[in-house]
Amino acid sequence: MPFRTLFLGDVVGSPGRKAVEVLVPKLIQSMNLDLVVADAENAAAGSGITPAIYETLREVGVDVVTMGDHCYRKKESMTLYETQTRILRPANLPESAVGCGWAIVESRSGIPAAVINLQGRTFMKPIDCPFAAVERILAQISKQVKLIFVEMHAEATSDKIAMGWYLDGRITAQVGTHTHVQTADERVLPKGTAIISDLGMTGPHDGVLGRDKNRVLRFLTTGMPTYFDVCTGDVRLCGAVVEADPETGRATSIERVNIPFEGLDPNAAPEPGGSEM
């Protein structure tokens, strides 16, 4: 039987969380999923994560939570990185950073799988080399597990595509997050690694990257600082499903997922955001 993994792009605010809570349990059954990996660095009002949100995501079937440049945005999240093994911050942060950048977990089918979280460098905050970081991790785990997945949180498409080619044949799949816009370049590379530049956003699309369009436009047209509240309309669950051979660890297919979620009032007031511009 093929090993099936669902990767979810950036979960944004309460609309994104609600879509995950309702749809993921159904998808686990209907798609016969072995593993669910979700980027949740925007889950708490659009920026960061809290212990309560992490627990809810885990309860509804998310096996591994990955993060990105907002991983430490909420002070209360520090306890998660100190105590939980299934929430990952970028592995190419300094070694002294709280938390872990990779994990080996047991899937629903009992087959072990590794998940690695990386962050890009182009147009991002300064961070250590992701190529060097992934090499160190692969040296530790490549003999322990066949199925290895990399989630790369990066602004530049080139960073994510380059990493895919760099790792082709050595990992099962490398998926991208951070831009909140789903790309149409999913493919399996010649040596058996599936890639996609960006999974897209699990959250409200009736705005600007999940934020209230009126506030964003006000900032862009006036230059005046404002909070970027999370919008509520056109909620979708976005990501990709990768099928792989558990014996070889090689991907056999990758398919985009873009599912509308109509369980929220599209006219509801925006969720107060935590990001100020």
C-alpha atoms as a PDB file:
ATOM      1  CA  MET A   1       0.000   0.000   0.000  1.00  0.00           C
ATOM      2  CA  PRO A   2       1.294   3.497  -0.790  1.00  0.00           C
ATOM      3  CA  PHE A   3       2.067   5.835   2.097  1.00  0.00           C
ATOM      4  CA  ARG A   4      -0.140   8.941   1.877  1.00  0.00           C
ATOM      5  CA  THR A   5       0.782  12.253   3.515  1.00  0.00           C
ATOM      6  CA  LEU A   6      -1.324  15.415   3.562  1.00  0.00           C
ATOM      7  CA  PHE A   7       0.653  18.661   3.870  1.00  0.00           C
ATOM      8  CA  LEU A   8      -1.295  21.802   4.763  1.00  0.00           C
ATOM      9  CA  GLY A   9      -0.113  25.305   3.927  1.00  0.00           C
ATOM     10  CA  ASP A  10      -0.053  28.126   6.460  1.00  0.00           C
ATOM     11  CA  VAL A  11      -3.060  27.855   8.781  1.00  0.00           C
ATOM     12  CA  VAL A  12      -4.220  31.453   9.246  1.00  0.00           C
ATOM     13  CA  GLY A  13      -6.250  32.607  12.231  1.00  0.00           C
ATOM     14  CA  SER A  14      -9.496  31.158  13.521  1.00  0.00           C
ATOM     15  CA  PRO A  15     -10.954  30.639  10.004  1.00  0.00           C
ATOM     16  CA  GLY A  16      -8.016  28.433   9.037  1.00  0.00           C
ATOM     17  CA  ARG A  17      -8.152  26.570  12.335  1.00  0.00           C
ATOM     18  CA  LYS A  18     -11.861  25.888  11.933  1.00  0.00           C
ATOM     19  CA  ALA A  19     -11.312  24.496   8.443  1.00  0.00           C
ATOM     20  CA  VAL A  20      -8.662  22.148   9.826  1.00  0.00           C
ATOM     21  CA  GLU A  21     -10.843  21.073  12.749  1.00  0.00           C
ATOM     22  CA  VAL A  22     -13.792  20.181  10.507  1.00  0.00           C
ATOM     23  CA  LEU A  23     -12.122  18.895   7.343  1.00  0.00           C
ATOM     24  CA  VAL A  24      -8.972  17.064   8.482  1.00  0.00           C
ATOM     25  CA  PRO A  25     -10.755  14.249  10.357  1.00  0.00           C
ATOM     26  CA  LYS A  26     -12.907  13.635   7.265  1.00  0.00           C
ATOM     27  CA  LEU A  27      -9.910  13.714   4.924  1.00  0.00           C
ATOM     28  CA  ILE A  28      -7.982  11.240   7.070  1.00  0.00           C
ATOM     29  CA  GLN A  29     -10.778   8.758   6.450  1.00  0.00           C
ATOM     30  CA  SER A  30     -11.690   9.556   2.838  1.00  0.00           C
ATOM     31  CA  MET A  31      -8.081   9.838   1.612  1.00  0.00           C
ATOM     32  CA  ASN A  32      -6.726   7.030   3.803  1.00  0.00           C
ATOM     33  CA  LEU A  33      -4.005   9.314   5.147  1.00  0.00           C
ATOM     34  CA  ASP A  34      -1.039   7.929   7.046  1.00  0.00           C
ATOM     35  CA  LEU A  35       0.338  11.311   8.118  1.00  0.00           C
ATOM     36  CA  VAL A  36      -0.839  14.934   8.328  1.00  0.00           C
ATOM     37  CA  VAL A  37       1.660  17.796   8.537  1.00  0.00           C
ATOM     38  CA  ALA A  38       0.480  21.409   8.923  1.00  0.00           C
ATOM     39  CA  ASP A  39       2.311  24.716   9.021  1.00  0.00           C
ATOM     40  CA  ALA A  40       0.701  26.690  11.864  1.00  0.00           C
ATOM     41  CA  GLU A  41       2.953  29.708  12.314  1.00  0.00           C
ATOM     42  CA  ASN A  42       0.018  32.021  11.531  1.00  0.00           C
ATOM     43  CA  ALA A  43      -2.597  30.111  13.515  1.00  0.00           C
ATOM     44  CA  ALA A  44      -2.936  32.522  16.467  1.00  0.00           C
ATOM     45  CA  ALA A  45      -4.740  35.615  15.140  1.00  0.00           C
ATOM     46  CA  GLY A  46      -2.468  35.510  12.098  1.00  0.00           C
ATOM     47  CA  SER A  47       0.899  35.302  13.841  1.00  0.00           C
ATOM     48  CA  GLY A  48       2.371  32.562  16.021  1.00  0.00           C
ATOM     49  CA  ILE A  49       0.768  29.699  17.937  1.00  0.00           C
ATOM     50  CA  THR A  50      -0.473  29.015  21.467  1.00  0.00           C
ATOM     51  CA  PRO A  51      -0.518  25.791  23.511  1.00  0.00           C
ATOM     52  CA  ALA A  52      -4.318  25.588  23.214  1.00  0.00           C
ATOM     53  CA  ILE A  53      -4.187  25.870  19.428  1.00  0.00           C
ATOM     54  CA  TYR A  54      -1.446  23.256  19.218  1.00  0.00           C
ATOM     55  CA  GLU A  55      -3.470  20.818  21.314  1.00  0.00           C
ATOM     56  CA  THR A  56      -6.560  21.339  19.151  1.00  0.00           C
ATOM     57  CA  LEU A  57      -4.621  20.722  15.944  1.00  0.00           C
ATOM     58  CA  ARG A  58      -3.181  17.526  17.388  1.00  0.00           C
ATOM     59  CA  GLU A  59      -6.595  16.345  18.628  1.00  0.00           C
ATOM     60  CA  VAL A  60      -8.193  16.633  15.174  1.00  0.00           C
ATOM     61  CA  GLY A  61      -5.452  14.638  13.460  1.00  0.00           C
ATOM     62  CA  VAL A  62      -2.481  16.856  12.682  1.00  0.00           C
ATOM     63  CA  ASP A  63       0.519  14.646  13.413  1.00  0.00           C
ATOM     64  CA  VAL A  64       3.297  17.226  13.074  1.00  0.00           C
ATOM     65  CA  VAL A  65       3.054  21.020  13.351  1.00  0.00           C
ATOM     66  CA  THR A  66       5.716  22.985  11.507  1.00  0.00           C
ATOM     67  CA  MET A  67       6.520  26.660  11.963  1.00  0.00           C
ATOM     68  CA  GLY A  68       8.576  29.450  10.380  1.00  0.00           C
ATOM     69  CA  ASP A  69       9.759  32.995  10.991  1.00  0.00           C
ATOM     70  CA  HIS A  70       6.885  33.646  13.447  1.00  0.00           C
ATOM     71  CA  CYS A  71       7.643  30.564  15.541  1.00  0.00           C
ATOM     72  CA  TYR A  72       8.415  32.560  18.704  1.00  0.00           C
ATOM     73  CA  ARG A  73       5.867  35.344  18.206  1.00  0.00           C
ATOM     74  CA  LYS A  74       3.707  34.239  21.164  1.00  0.00           C
ATOM     75  CA  LYS A  75       5.512  34.087  24.512  1.00  0.00           C
ATOM     76  CA  GLU A  76       3.265  31.284  25.721  1.00  0.00           C
ATOM     77  CA  SER A  77       4.456  29.052  22.883  1.00  0.00           C
ATOM     78  CA  MET A  78       7.878  28.621  24.507  1.00  0.00           C
ATOM     79  CA  THR A  79       6.550  25.834  26.705  1.00  0.00           C
ATOM     80  CA  LEU A  80       5.546  23.933  23.565  1.00  0.00           C
ATOM     81  CA  TYR A  81       9.068  23.978  22.167  1.00  0.00           C
ATOM     82  CA  GLU A  82      10.444  22.931  25.535  1.00  0.00           C
ATOM     83  CA  THR A  83       8.076  20.009  26.113  1.00  0.00           C
ATOM     84  CA  GLN A  84       6.521  18.825  22.841  1.00  0.00           C
ATOM     85  CA  THR A  85       8.264  16.761  20.159  1.00  0.00           C
ATOM     86  CA  ARG A  86       5.718  17.238  17.379  1.00  0.00           C
ATOM     87  CA  ILE A  87       6.008  20.986  16.943  1.00  0.00           C
ATOM     88  CA  LEU A  88       9.031  22.017  14.903  1.00  0.00           C
ATOM     89  CA  ARG A  89      10.799  25.339  14.548  1.00  0.00           C
ATOM     90  CA  PRO A  90      13.237  25.883  11.635  1.00  0.00           C
ATOM     91  CA  ALA A  91      16.184  23.504  11.990  1.00  0.00           C
ATOM     92  CA  ASN A  92      18.598  26.125  10.676  1.00  0.00           C
ATOM     93  CA  LEU A  93      18.070  28.426  13.645  1.00  0.00           C
ATOM     94  CA  PRO A  94      21.116  28.474  15.932  1.00  0.00           C
ATOM     95  CA  GLU A  95      21.599  25.309  17.991  1.00  0.00           C
ATOM     96  CA  SER A  96      20.888  27.314  21.153  1.00  0.00           C
ATOM     97  CA  ALA A  97      17.348  28.135  19.948  1.00  0.00           C
ATOM     98  CA  VAL A  98      14.553  26.524  21.963  1.00  0.00           C
ATOM     99  CA  GLY A  99      12.866  23.553  20.314  1.00  0.00           C
ATOM    100  CA  CYS A 100      13.710  20.978  17.678  1.00  0.00           C
ATOM    101  CA  GLY A 101      13.870  21.281  13.909  1.00  0.00           C
ATOM    102  CA  TRP A 102      13.040  17.685  13.064  1.00  0.00           C
ATOM    103  CA  ALA A 103      11.227  14.656  14.390  1.00  0.00           C
ATOM    104  CA  ILE A 104      10.714  10.984  13.629  1.00  0.00           C
ATOM    105  CA  VAL A 105       7.114   9.969  14.311  1.00  0.00           C
ATOM    106  CA  GLU A 106       5.032   6.839  14.027  1.00  0.00           C
ATOM    107  CA  SER A 107       2.313   7.181  11.390  1.00  0.00           C
ATOM    108  CA  ARG A 108      -1.238   5.816  11.576  1.00  0.00           C
ATOM    109  CA  SER A 109      -0.093   2.748   9.663  1.00  0.00           C
ATOM    110  CA  GLY A 110       2.763   2.209  12.104  1.00  0.00           C
ATOM    111  CA  ILE A 111       5.440   3.135   9.559  1.00  0.00           C
ATOM    112  CA  PRO A 112       7.966   5.682  10.901  1.00  0.00           C
ATOM    113  CA  ALA A 113       8.442   8.948   9.027  1.00  0.00           C
ATOM    114  CA  ALA A 114      10.739  11.921   9.531  1.00  0.00           C
ATOM    115  CA  VAL A 115       9.720  15.555   9.167  1.00  0.00           C
ATOM    116  CA  ILE A 116      12.289  18.352   8.876  1.00  0.00           C
ATOM    117  CA  ASN A 117      11.477  22.071   9.126  1.00  0.00           C
ATOM    118  CA  LEU A 118      13.733  24.550   7.290  1.00  0.00           C
ATOM    119  CA  GLN A 119      13.608  28.285   6.614  1.00  0.00           C
ATOM    120  CA  GLY A 120      14.894  30.112   3.549  1.00  0.00           C
ATOM    121  CA  ARG A 121      17.261  33.063   3.536  1.00  0.00           C
ATOM    122  CA  THR A 122      16.306  35.226   0.550  1.00  0.00           C
ATOM    123  CA  PHE A 123      14.152  38.201   1.635  1.00  0.00           C
ATOM    124  CA  MET A 124      13.902  36.637   5.115  1.00  0.00           C
ATOM    125  CA  LYS A 125      15.367  37.377   8.532  1.00  0.00           C
ATOM    126  CA  PRO A 126      19.031  36.318   8.880  1.00  0.00           C
ATOM    127  CA  ILE A 127      19.314  32.606   9.625  1.00  0.00           C
ATOM    128  CA  ASP A 128      21.867  29.805   9.287  1.00  0.00           C
ATOM    129  CA  CYS A 129      22.365  27.860   6.059  1.00  0.00           C
ATOM    130  CA  PRO A 130      19.443  25.463   5.397  1.00  0.00           C
ATOM    131  CA  PHE A 131      21.594  23.253   3.166  1.00  0.00           C
ATOM    132  CA  ALA A 132      24.150  22.687   5.907  1.00  0.00           C
ATOM    133  CA  ALA A 133      21.389  22.100   8.456  1.00  0.00           C
ATOM    134  CA  VAL A 134      19.608  19.462   6.388  1.00  0.00           C
ATOM    135  CA  GLU A 135      22.896  17.681   5.721  1.00  0.00           C
ATOM    136  CA  ARG A 136      23.526  17.378   9.461  1.00  0.00           C
ATOM    137  CA  ILE A 137      20.058  15.973  10.029  1.00  0.00           C
ATOM    138  CA  LEU A 138      20.178  13.500   7.153  1.00  0.00           C
ATOM    139  CA  ALA A 139      23.484  12.179   8.459  1.00  0.00           C
ATOM    140  CA  GLN A 140      21.657  11.276  11.684  1.00  0.00           C
ATOM    141  CA  ILE A 141      18.407   9.854  10.347  1.00  0.00           C
ATOM    142  CA  SER A 142      18.905   8.482   6.826  1.00  0.00           C
ATOM    143  CA  LYS A 143      19.742   5.002   8.172  1.00  0.00           C
ATOM    144  CA  GLN A 144      16.811   5.046  10.617  1.00  0.00           C
ATOM    145  CA  VAL A 145      13.907   5.878   8.324  1.00  0.00           C
ATOM    146  CA  LYS A 146      12.986   5.666   4.628  1.00  0.00           C
ATOM    147  CA  LEU A 147      10.225   8.270   4.503  1.00  0.00           C
ATOM    148  CA  ILE A 148      11.683  11.760   4.970  1.00  0.00           C
ATOM    149  CA  PHE A 149       9.697  14.947   4.424  1.00  0.00           C
ATOM    150  CA  VAL A 150      11.014  18.524   4.375  1.00  0.00           C
ATOM    151  CA  GLU A 151       8.843  21.601   4.842  1.00  0.00           C
ATOM    152  CA  MET A 152      10.716  24.711   3.748  1.00  0.00           C
ATOM    153  CA  HIS A 153       9.349  28.041   4.891  1.00  0.00           C
ATOM    154  CA  ALA A 154      10.721  30.561   2.414  1.00  0.00           C
ATOM    155  CA  GLU A 155       9.842  33.729   0.533  1.00  0.00           C
ATOM    156  CA  ALA A 156      11.732  33.021  -2.681  1.00  0.00           C
ATOM    157  CA  THR A 157      10.483  30.309  -5.017  1.00  0.00           C
ATOM    158  CA  SER A 158      14.082  29.824  -6.139  1.00  0.00           C
ATOM    159  CA  ASP A 159      15.143  28.848  -2.602  1.00  0.00           C
ATOM    160  CA  LYS A 160      12.502  26.140  -2.461  1.00  0.00           C
ATOM    161  CA  ILE A 161      13.083  24.760  -5.942  1.00  0.00           C
ATOM    162  CA  ALA A 162      16.850  24.711  -5.401  1.00  0.00           C
ATOM    163  CA  MET A 163      16.412  22.754  -2.167  1.00  0.00           C
ATOM    164  CA  GLY A 164      14.217  20.247  -3.987  1.00  0.00           C
ATOM    165  CA  TRP A 165      16.897  19.568  -6.584  1.00  0.00           C
ATOM    166  CA  TYR A 166      19.568  19.439  -3.888  1.00  0.00           C
ATOM    167  CA  LEU A 167      17.661  16.736  -2.034  1.00  0.00           C
ATOM    168  CA  ASP A 168      16.301  14.810  -5.027  1.00  0.00           C
ATOM    169  CA  GLY A 169      16.625  11.101  -4.378  1.00  0.00           C
ATOM    170  CA  ARG A 170      17.558  11.582  -0.718  1.00  0.00           C
ATOM    171  CA  ILE A 171      14.147  12.493   0.693  1.00  0.00           C
ATOM    172  CA  THR A 172      10.545  11.617  -0.143  1.00  0.00           C
ATOM    173  CA  ALA A 173       9.168  15.127  -0.591  1.00  0.00           C
ATOM    174  CA  GLN A 174       9.946  18.783  -0.060  1.00  0.00           C
ATOM    175  CA  VAL A 175       7.040  21.222   0.191  1.00  0.00           C
ATOM    176  CA  GLY A 176       7.130  24.995   0.486  1.00  0.00           C
ATOM    177  CA  THR A 177       5.200  27.435   2.664  1.00  0.00           C
ATOM    178  CA  HIS A 178       5.189  31.135   3.660  1.00  0.00           C
ATOM    179  CA  THR A 179       3.847  32.995   0.593  1.00  0.00           C
ATOM    180  CA  HIS A 180       0.210  31.945   1.236  1.00  0.00           C
ATOM    181  CA  VAL A 181      -0.285  31.519  -2.540  1.00  0.00           C
ATOM    182  CA  GLN A 182      -0.593  27.975  -3.866  1.00  0.00           C
ATOM    183  CA  THR A 183       1.698  27.262  -6.808  1.00  0.00           C
ATOM    184  CA  ALA A 184       0.991  24.954  -9.755  1.00  0.00           C
ATOM    185  CA  ASP A 185       4.463  23.434 -10.103  1.00  0.00           C
ATOM    186  CA  GLU A 186       3.965  20.167  -8.230  1.00  0.00           C
ATOM    187  CA  ARG A 187       5.998  17.289  -9.694  1.00  0.00           C
ATOM    188  CA  VAL A 188       8.117  14.278  -8.873  1.00  0.00           C
ATOM    189  CA  LEU A 189      11.778  14.892  -9.714  1.00  0.00           C
ATOM    190  CA  PRO A 190      13.804  12.281 -11.649  1.00  0.00           C
ATOM    191  CA  LYS A 191      15.251  10.545  -8.594  1.00  0.00           C
ATOM    192  CA  GLY A 192      11.938  10.261  -6.772  1.00  0.00           C
ATOM    193  CA  THR A 193      11.484  13.382  -4.640  1.00  0.00           C
ATOM    194  CA  ALA A 194       8.128  15.178  -4.884  1.00  0.00           C
ATOM    195  CA  ILE A 195       8.192  18.984  -4.697  1.00  0.00           C
ATOM    196  CA  ILE A 196       5.860  21.969  -4.759  1.00  0.00           C
ATOM    197  CA  SER A 197       7.013  25.560  -4.292  1.00  0.00           C
ATOM    198  CA  ASP A 198       4.132  26.589  -2.051  1.00  0.00           C
ATOM    199  CA  LEU A 199       1.226  24.677  -0.538  1.00  0.00           C
ATOM    200  CA  GLY A 200      -0.892  27.809  -0.309  1.00  0.00           C
ATOM    201  CA  MET A 201      -2.918  29.044   2.648  1.00  0.00           C
ATOM    202  CA  THR A 202      -5.426  27.225   4.815  1.00  0.00           C
ATOM    203  CA  GLY A 203      -7.561  30.181   5.730  1.00  0.00           C
ATOM    204  CA  PRO A 204      -9.603  33.077   4.327  1.00  0.00           C
ATOM    205  CA  HIS A 205      -8.848  34.135   0.749  1.00  0.00           C
ATOM    206  CA  ASP A 206     -11.197  37.149   0.598  1.00  0.00           C
ATOM    207  CA  GLY A 207      -8.385  39.494   1.545  1.00  0.00           C
ATOM    208  CA  VAL A 208      -4.636  39.979   1.157  1.00  0.00           C
ATOM    209  CA  LEU A 209      -2.813  36.812   2.208  1.00  0.00           C
ATOM    210  CA  GLY A 210      -5.467  36.195   4.848  1.00  0.00           C
ATOM    211  CA  ARG A 211      -5.641  39.752   6.170  1.00  0.00           C
ATOM    212  CA  ASP A 212      -8.503  42.235   5.986  1.00  0.00           C
ATOM    213  CA  LYS A 213      -8.076  43.881   2.586  1.00  0.00           C
ATOM    214  CA  ASN A 214      -9.399  47.245   3.757  1.00  0.00           C
ATOM    215  CA  ARG A 215      -6.740  47.552   6.447  1.00  0.00           C
ATOM    216  CA  VAL A 216      -3.992  46.418   4.087  1.00  0.00           C
ATOM    217  CA  LEU A 217      -5.094  48.881   1.415  1.00  0.00           C
ATOM    218  CA  ARG A 218      -5.271  51.684   3.975  1.00  0.00           C
ATOM    219  CA  PHE A 219      -1.687  50.976   4.991  1.00  0.00           C
ATOM    220  CA  LEU A 220      -0.469  50.734   1.387  1.00  0.00           C
ATOM    221  CA  THR A 221      -2.193  53.933   0.267  1.00  0.00           C
ATOM    222  CA  THR A 222      -1.497  56.112   3.321  1.00  0.00           C
ATOM    223  CA  GLY A 223       1.623  54.653   4.925  1.00  0.00           C
ATOM    224  CA  MET A 224      -0.074  54.939   8.314  1.00  0.00           C
ATOM    225  CA  PRO A 225       0.493  52.068  10.790  1.00  0.00           C
ATOM    226  CA  THR A 226      -2.395  49.705  11.500  1.00  0.00           C
ATOM    227  CA  TYR A 227      -3.115  46.191  12.717  1.00  0.00           C
ATOM    228  CA  PHE A 228      -3.640  43.595  10.004  1.00  0.00           C
ATOM    229  CA  ASP A 229      -6.769  41.795  11.152  1.00  0.00           C
ATOM    230  CA  VAL A 230      -7.551  38.328   9.800  1.00  0.00           C
ATOM    231  CA  CYS A 231     -10.415  38.347   7.287  1.00  0.00           C
ATOM    232  CA  THR A 232     -13.199  35.726   7.253  1.00  0.00           C
ATOM    233  CA  GLY A 233     -14.483  35.126   3.712  1.00  0.00           C
ATOM    234  CA  ASP A 234     -13.714  32.478   1.078  1.00  0.00           C
ATOM    235  CA  VAL A 235     -12.086  30.024   3.479  1.00  0.00           C
ATOM    236  CA  ARG A 236     -10.185  27.145   1.872  1.00  0.00           C
ATOM    237  CA  LEU A 237      -8.019  24.276   3.008  1.00  0.00           C
ATOM    238  CA  CYS A 238      -4.942  24.226   0.790  1.00  0.00           C
ATOM    239  CA  GLY A 239      -2.023  21.859   0.543  1.00  0.00           C
ATOM    240  CA  ALA A 240      -0.911  18.721  -1.248  1.00  0.00           C
ATOM    241  CA  VAL A 241      -1.095  14.949  -0.910  1.00  0.00           C
ATOM    242  CA  VAL A 242       2.062  12.940  -1.575  1.00  0.00           C
ATOM    243  CA  GLU A 243       1.974   9.213  -2.256  1.00  0.00           C
ATOM    244  CA  ALA A 244       5.171   7.268  -1.651  1.00  0.00           C
ATOM    245  CA  ASP A 245       6.543   3.743  -1.617  1.00  0.00           C
ATOM    246  CA  PRO A 246       7.308   2.989   2.054  1.00  0.00           C
ATOM    247  CA  GLU A 247       9.888   0.392   1.063  1.00  0.00           C
ATOM    248  CA  THR A 248      12.074   2.786  -0.934  1.00  0.00           C
ATOM    249  CA  GLY A 249      11.004   6.152   0.451  1.00  0.00           C
ATOM    250  CA  ARG A 250      10.512   7.462  -3.072  1.00  0.00           C
ATOM    251  CA  ALA A 251       7.452   9.517  -4.032  1.00  0.00           C
ATOM    252  CA  THR A 252       5.156   8.184  -6.736  1.00  0.00           C
ATOM    253  CA  SER A 253       2.815  11.184  -7.028  1.00  0.00           C
ATOM    254  CA  ILE A 254       1.922  14.603  -5.660  1.00  0.00           C
ATOM    255  CA  GLU A 255      -1.465  16.271  -6.025  1.00  0.00           C
ATOM    256  CA  ARG A 256      -2.595  19.735  -4.966  1.00  0.00           C
ATOM    257  CA  VAL A 257      -5.502  20.097  -2.523  1.00  0.00           C
ATOM    258  CA  ASN A 258      -7.732  23.188  -2.545  1.00  0.00           C
ATOM    259  CA  ILE A 259     -11.015  22.569  -0.714  1.00  0.00           C
ATOM    260  CA  PRO A 260     -13.605  25.307  -0.007  1.00  0.00           C
ATOM    261  CA  PHE A 261     -14.894  25.456   3.563  1.00  0.00           C
ATOM    262  CA  GLU A 262     -18.330  26.979   4.001  1.00  0.00           C
ATOM    263  CA  GLY A 263     -18.712  26.525   7.745  1.00  0.00           C
ATOM    264  CA  LEU A 264     -18.167  30.196   8.603  1.00  0.00           C
ATOM    265  CA  ASP A 265     -20.167  33.373   8.109  1.00  0.00           C
ATOM    266  CA  PRO A 266     -18.405  35.244   5.267  1.00  0.00           C
ATOM    267  CA  ASN A 267     -19.809  38.521   6.613  1.00  0.00           C
ATOM    268  CA  ALA A 268     -18.439  38.049  10.128  1.00  0.00           C
ATOM    269  CA  ALA A 269     -16.226  40.760  11.562  1.00  0.00           C
ATOM    270  CA  PRO A 270     -12.479  40.296  10.942  1.00  0.00           C
ATOM    271  CA  GLU A 271     -10.511  38.571  13.685  1.00  0.00           C
ATOM    272  CA  PRO A 272      -8.305  41.115  15.511  1.00  0.00           C
ATOM    273  CA  GLY A 273      -4.771  40.520  14.302  1.00  0.00           C
ATOM    274  CA  GLY A 274      -1.511  40.556  16.148  1.00  0.00           C
ATOM    275  CA  SER A 275       0.642  42.037  13.392  1.00  0.00           C
ATOM    276  CA  GLU A 276       1.156  45.772  13.152  1.00  0.00           C
ATOM    277  CA  MET A 277       2.514  47.601  10.130  1.00  0.00           C
END
